Each structure stands twice: as structure tokens, then as C-alpha cells.
Amino acid sequence: MSEEPAQQPVEPVIKETSAVTETSQNKALIWLVVIIILVLAALAVGTIFLLRSDVSTTGHIRDIFIIFMALESFIIGLALIVLIVQLATLINLLQNEIKPIINSTSETVNTLRGTATFLSNNLAEPVIKLNESVAVLRKLVDFVKIWK
């Protein structure tokens, strides 16, 4: 007697992996929020110090505007990086997961088309021809009955 080794279920491994992924994503999100709060606080402190200095009002406004434009450029750059990463993920998904599904579906449709053609040629056409012959014989019998 040979006993096969018991196979371990795959689901707990997947659940553990997803839990680790969620934990690391939560940590990354927390760090991102902390960094954003620190940057905003630094901007607020910098703006306050710029408004307290003895430079002309136009100079203050210009410096503050330049700082905010640099921050906006930085945020747009980060958004573009996130967009590029998401686009790469989408392309990977399309190439590695959706394309095989489409190919498999195409093969299934071709098989179904062949099966329908086979059934049409080997089942439906003979039945139709038989019904046609029976109808002709029935009409012939009816015609013969009229002449009697």
C-alpha cells in the first residue's frame, strides 16, 4: 500500500501573503501621510518667516509664489510617476492575464463553430432531407387517393 502525502491547502498561504502586503501598504501610506504633513508644516513655517522679514511686499509675494509653484511641480511629478506605474501595471495585466483569456475564448469559439458545422452536416441535414422525402411521399399518397 502506498500512501500519498497529504497536500496542504493553498488558501492559507495566499491569505498570509495578502495580509503581509496589506500591512506593508498600510505602513507606506502612514509614512506618506507623515511626509506630506511635514512638508506642509515646513511650507507654513517658511511662509510665516517670509512674511516677517523686512523685504518689500512684492518680493514676499514673489518668493511665496515661487515656493508654491515648486511644490505644485513636485506634486505633479509625483502624480505622473504614480500614473506611469499604474499604466505599467495595466499593460502587464493586459499582456499576461487578459490576452491568454481572450486566446482561450477564441479557441473555444472555434471549437464550438466546428461542432455546430459537424452537427449541421451530419444530423440536421439528413433529418431535413428525411422530412422532405416523407412530405413528398405524403403528397404523392394524397394525390393517388384523389385519382381513385
C-alpha atoms as a PDB file:
ATOM      1  CA  MET A   1       0.000   0.000   0.000  1.00  0.00           C
ATOM      2  CA  SER A   2       1.318   3.354  -0.944  1.00  0.00           C
ATOM      3  CA  GLU A   3       0.015   6.418   0.762  1.00  0.00           C
ATOM      4  CA  GLU A   4       0.068   9.729  -0.986  1.00  0.00           C
ATOM      5  CA  PRO A   5       1.341  12.626   1.072  1.00  0.00           C
ATOM      6  CA  ALA A   6      -1.377  14.988   2.185  1.00  0.00           C
ATOM      7  CA  GLN A   7      -1.405  18.204   0.216  1.00  0.00           C
ATOM      8  CA  GLN A   8      -1.503  21.442   2.113  1.00  0.00           C
ATOM      9  CA  PRO A   9      -4.234  23.879   1.137  1.00  0.00           C
ATOM     10  CA  VAL A  10      -3.070  26.835  -0.909  1.00  0.00           C
ATOM     11  CA  GLU A  11      -5.524  29.374   0.523  1.00  0.00           C
ATOM     12  CA  PRO A  12      -3.805  29.996   3.901  1.00  0.00           C
ATOM     13  CA  VAL A  13      -0.566  30.851   2.115  1.00  0.00           C
ATOM     14  CA  ILE A  14      -2.389  33.303  -0.109  1.00  0.00           C
ATOM     15  CA  LYS A  15      -4.156  34.857   2.881  1.00  0.00           C
ATOM     16  CA  GLU A  16      -0.858  35.252   4.757  1.00  0.00           C
ATOM     17  CA  THR A  17       0.748  36.860   1.706  1.00  0.00           C
ATOM     18  CA  SER A  18      -2.145  39.266   1.245  1.00  0.00           C
ATOM     19  CA  ALA A  19      -2.036  40.143   4.968  1.00  0.00           C
ATOM     20  CA  VAL A  20       1.672  40.941   4.704  1.00  0.00           C
ATOM     21  CA  THR A  21       1.012  43.012   1.573  1.00  0.00           C
ATOM     22  CA  GLU A  22      -1.797  44.936   3.286  1.00  0.00           C
ATOM     23  CA  THR A  23       0.410  45.601   6.315  1.00  0.00           C
ATOM     24  CA  SER A  24       3.247  46.927   4.172  1.00  0.00           C
ATOM     25  CA  GLN A  25       0.796  49.068   2.181  1.00  0.00           C
ATOM     26  CA  ASN A  26      -0.625  50.475   5.417  1.00  0.00           C
ATOM     27  CA  LYS A  27       2.880  51.330   6.648  1.00  0.00           C
ATOM     28  CA  ALA A  28       3.738  53.000   3.344  1.00  0.00           C
ATOM     29  CA  LEU A  29       0.504  55.007   3.465  1.00  0.00           C
ATOM     30  CA  ILE A  30       1.220  56.138   7.031  1.00  0.00           C
ATOM     31  CA  TRP A  31       4.727  57.254   6.071  1.00  0.00           C
ATOM     32  CA  LEU A  32       3.365  59.090   3.037  1.00  0.00           C
ATOM     33  CA  VAL A  33       0.841  60.957   5.204  1.00  0.00           C
ATOM     34  CA  VAL A  34       3.544  61.855   7.735  1.00  0.00           C
ATOM     35  CA  ILE A  35       5.833  63.172   4.978  1.00  0.00           C
ATOM     36  CA  ILE A  36       3.012  65.250   3.466  1.00  0.00           C
ATOM     37  CA  ILE A  37       2.186  66.725   6.873  1.00  0.00           C
ATOM     38  CA  LEU A  38       5.866  67.601   7.466  1.00  0.00           C
ATOM     39  CA  VAL A  39       6.164  69.243   4.034  1.00  0.00           C
ATOM     40  CA  LEU A  40       3.007  71.273   4.614  1.00  0.00           C
ATOM     41  CA  ALA A  41       4.242  72.317   8.053  1.00  0.00           C
ATOM     42  CA  ALA A  42       7.601  73.361   6.572  1.00  0.00           C
ATOM     43  CA  LEU A  43       5.791  75.400   3.929  1.00  0.00           C
ATOM     44  CA  ALA A  44       3.648  77.100   6.563  1.00  0.00           C
ATOM     45  CA  VAL A  45       6.702  77.942   8.691  1.00  0.00           C
ATOM     46  CA  GLY A  46       8.596  79.163   5.628  1.00  0.00           C
ATOM     47  CA  THR A  47       5.683  81.341   4.551  1.00  0.00           C
ATOM     48  CA  ILE A  48       5.427  82.847   8.040  1.00  0.00           C
ATOM     49  CA  PHE A  49       9.162  83.641   8.101  1.00  0.00           C
ATOM     50  CA  LEU A  50       8.979  85.154   4.619  1.00  0.00           C
ATOM     51  CA  LEU A  51       6.146  87.432   5.661  1.00  0.00           C
ATOM     52  CA  ARG A  52       8.048  88.580   8.798  1.00  0.00           C
ATOM     53  CA  SER A  53      11.219  89.621   7.009  1.00  0.00           C
ATOM     54  CA  ASP A  54      11.915  93.233   6.039  1.00  0.00           C
ATOM     55  CA  VAL A  55      11.867  92.691   2.278  1.00  0.00           C
ATOM     56  CA  SER A  56       9.372  94.611   0.146  1.00  0.00           C
ATOM     57  CA  THR A  57       5.834  93.255  -0.198  1.00  0.00           C
ATOM     58  CA  THR A  58       6.279  92.425  -3.870  1.00  0.00           C
ATOM     59  CA  GLY A  59       9.365  90.395  -3.040  1.00  0.00           C
ATOM     60  CA  HIS A  60       7.438  88.479  -0.369  1.00  0.00           C
ATOM     61  CA  ILE A  61       4.632  87.623  -2.739  1.00  0.00           C
ATOM     62  CA  ARG A  62       7.083  86.627  -5.478  1.00  0.00           C
ATOM     63  CA  ASP A  63       9.069  84.349  -3.151  1.00  0.00           C
ATOM     64  CA  ILE A  64       5.935  82.710  -1.737  1.00  0.00           C
ATOM     65  CA  PHE A  65       4.541  82.213  -5.247  1.00  0.00           C
ATOM     66  CA  ILE A  66       7.822  80.610  -6.398  1.00  0.00           C
ATOM     67  CA  ILE A  67       7.779  78.263  -3.415  1.00  0.00           C
ATOM     68  CA  PHE A  68       4.192  77.208  -4.071  1.00  0.00           C
ATOM     69  CA  MET A  69       4.892  76.697  -7.768  1.00  0.00           C
ATOM     70  CA  ALA A  70       7.862  74.461  -6.888  1.00  0.00           C
ATOM     71  CA  LEU A  71       5.640  72.474  -4.531  1.00  0.00           C
ATOM     72  CA  GLU A  72       2.975  72.171  -7.221  1.00  0.00           C
ATOM     73  CA  SER A  73       5.573  70.959  -9.739  1.00  0.00           C
ATOM     74  CA  PHE A  74       6.782  68.400  -7.198  1.00  0.00           C
ATOM     75  CA  ILE A  75       3.238  67.128  -6.613  1.00  0.00           C
ATOM     76  CA  ILE A  76       2.535  66.926 -10.360  1.00  0.00           C
ATOM     77  CA  GLY A  77       5.784  64.998 -10.826  1.00  0.00           C
ATOM     78  CA  LEU A  78       4.756  62.511  -8.125  1.00  0.00           C
ATOM     79  CA  ALA A  79       1.325  62.150  -9.724  1.00  0.00           C
ATOM     80  CA  LEU A  80       2.951  61.445 -13.094  1.00  0.00           C
ATOM     81  CA  ILE A  81       5.207  58.802 -11.543  1.00  0.00           C
ATOM     82  CA  VAL A  82       2.180  57.114  -9.944  1.00  0.00           C
ATOM     83  CA  LEU A  83       0.349  57.306 -13.279  1.00  0.00           C
ATOM     84  CA  ILE A  84       3.270  55.685 -15.131  1.00  0.00           C
ATOM     85  CA  VAL A  85       3.480  52.874 -12.552  1.00  0.00           C
ATOM     86  CA  GLN A  86      -0.271  52.254 -12.811  1.00  0.00           C
ATOM     87  CA  LEU A  87      -0.057  52.251 -16.613  1.00  0.00           C
ATOM     88  CA  ALA A  88       2.783  49.710 -16.486  1.00  0.00           C
ATOM     89  CA  THR A  89       0.684  47.540 -14.156  1.00  0.00           C
ATOM     90  CA  LEU A  90      -2.270  47.768 -16.552  1.00  0.00           C
ATOM     91  CA  ILE A  91      -0.125  46.820 -19.542  1.00  0.00           C
ATOM     92  CA  ASN A  92       1.285  43.869 -17.595  1.00  0.00           C
ATOM     93  CA  LEU A  93      -2.246  42.783 -16.680  1.00  0.00           C
ATOM     94  CA  LEU A  94      -3.397  43.003 -20.293  1.00  0.00           C
ATOM     95  CA  GLN A  95      -0.417  41.068 -21.645  1.00  0.00           C
ATOM     96  CA  ASN A  96      -0.172  38.336 -19.029  1.00  0.00           C
ATOM     97  CA  GLU A  97      -3.748  37.764 -17.876  1.00  0.00           C
ATOM     98  CA  ILE A  98      -6.313  39.157 -20.305  1.00  0.00           C
ATOM     99  CA  LYS A  99      -4.609  38.078 -23.549  1.00  0.00           C
ATOM    100  CA  PRO A 100      -4.488  34.350 -22.588  1.00  0.00           C
ATOM    101  CA  ILE A 101      -8.159  34.511 -21.602  1.00  0.00           C
ATOM    102  CA  ILE A 102      -9.031  36.031 -24.977  1.00  0.00           C
ATOM    103  CA  ASN A 103      -6.966  33.386 -26.783  1.00  0.00           C
ATOM    104  CA  SER A 104      -8.685  30.605 -24.824  1.00  0.00           C
ATOM    105  CA  THR A 105     -12.090  32.087 -25.586  1.00  0.00           C
ATOM    106  CA  SER A 106     -11.209  32.311 -29.269  1.00  0.00           C
ATOM    107  CA  GLU A 107     -10.185  28.627 -29.302  1.00  0.00           C
ATOM    108  CA  THR A 108     -13.452  27.700 -27.572  1.00  0.00           C
ATOM    109  CA  VAL A 109     -15.491  29.659 -30.113  1.00  0.00           C
ATOM    110  CA  ASN A 110     -13.637  27.976 -32.994  1.00  0.00           C
ATOM    111  CA  THR A 111     -14.289  24.543 -31.445  1.00  0.00           C
ATOM    112  CA  LEU A 112     -17.960  25.421 -30.992  1.00  0.00           C
ATOM    113  CA  ARG A 113     -18.150  26.594 -34.606  1.00  0.00           C
ATOM    114  CA  GLY A 114     -16.676  23.278 -35.776  1.00  0.00           C
ATOM    115  CA  THR A 115     -19.091  21.319 -33.587  1.00  0.00           C
ATOM    116  CA  ALA A 116     -22.063  23.278 -34.938  1.00  0.00           C
ATOM    117  CA  THR A 117     -20.917  22.671 -38.522  1.00  0.00           C
ATOM    118  CA  PHE A 118     -20.453  18.955 -37.829  1.00  0.00           C
ATOM    119  CA  LEU A 119     -23.910  18.654 -36.265  1.00  0.00           C
ATOM    120  CA  SER A 120     -25.452  20.620 -39.108  1.00  0.00           C
ATOM    121  CA  ASN A 121     -23.860  18.414 -41.757  1.00  0.00           C
ATOM    122  CA  ASN A 122     -24.345  15.058 -40.028  1.00  0.00           C
ATOM    123  CA  LEU A 123     -27.571  15.483 -38.085  1.00  0.00           C
ATOM    124  CA  ALA A 124     -29.710  18.396 -39.228  1.00  0.00           C
ATOM    125  CA  GLU A 125     -29.329  17.981 -42.997  1.00  0.00           C
ATOM    126  CA  PRO A 126     -30.245  14.238 -43.026  1.00  0.00           C
ATOM    127  CA  VAL A 127     -33.279  14.904 -40.809  1.00  0.00           C
ATOM    128  CA  ILE A 128     -34.389  17.739 -43.089  1.00  0.00           C
ATOM    129  CA  LYS A 129     -33.943  15.544 -46.172  1.00  0.00           C
ATOM    130  CA  LEU A 130     -35.911  12.736 -44.483  1.00  0.00           C
ATOM    131  CA  ASN A 131     -38.742  15.113 -43.622  1.00  0.00           C
ATOM    132  CA  GLU A 132     -38.659  16.407 -47.179  1.00  0.00           C
ATOM    133  CA  SER A 133     -38.935  12.854 -48.564  1.00  0.00           C
ATOM    134  CA  VAL A 134     -41.775  11.986 -46.165  1.00  0.00           C
ATOM    135  CA  ALA A 135     -43.633  15.122 -47.200  1.00  0.00           C
ATOM    136  CA  VAL A 136     -43.215  14.222 -50.882  1.00  0.00           C
ATOM    137  CA  LEU A 137     -44.492  10.686 -50.228  1.00  0.00           C
ATOM    138  CA  ARG A 138     -47.435  12.038 -48.241  1.00  0.00           C
ATOM    139  CA  LYS A 139     -48.388  14.388 -51.080  1.00  0.00           C
ATOM    140  CA  LEU A 140     -47.979  11.528 -53.558  1.00  0.00           C
ATOM    141  CA  VAL A 141     -50.273   9.322 -51.475  1.00  0.00           C
ATOM    142  CA  ASP A 142     -52.803  12.148 -51.229  1.00  0.00           C
ATOM    143  CA  PHE A 143     -52.581  12.630 -54.994  1.00  0.00           C
ATOM    144  CA  VAL A 144     -53.115   8.918 -55.629  1.00  0.00           C
ATOM    145  CA  LYS A 145     -56.159   8.926 -53.287  1.00  0.00           C
ATOM    146  CA  ILE A 146     -57.718  11.718 -55.372  1.00  0.00           C
ATOM    147  CA  TRP A 147     -57.483   9.655 -58.570  1.00  0.00           C
ATOM    148  CA  LYS A 148     -59.097   6.566 -57.055  1.00  0.00           C
END
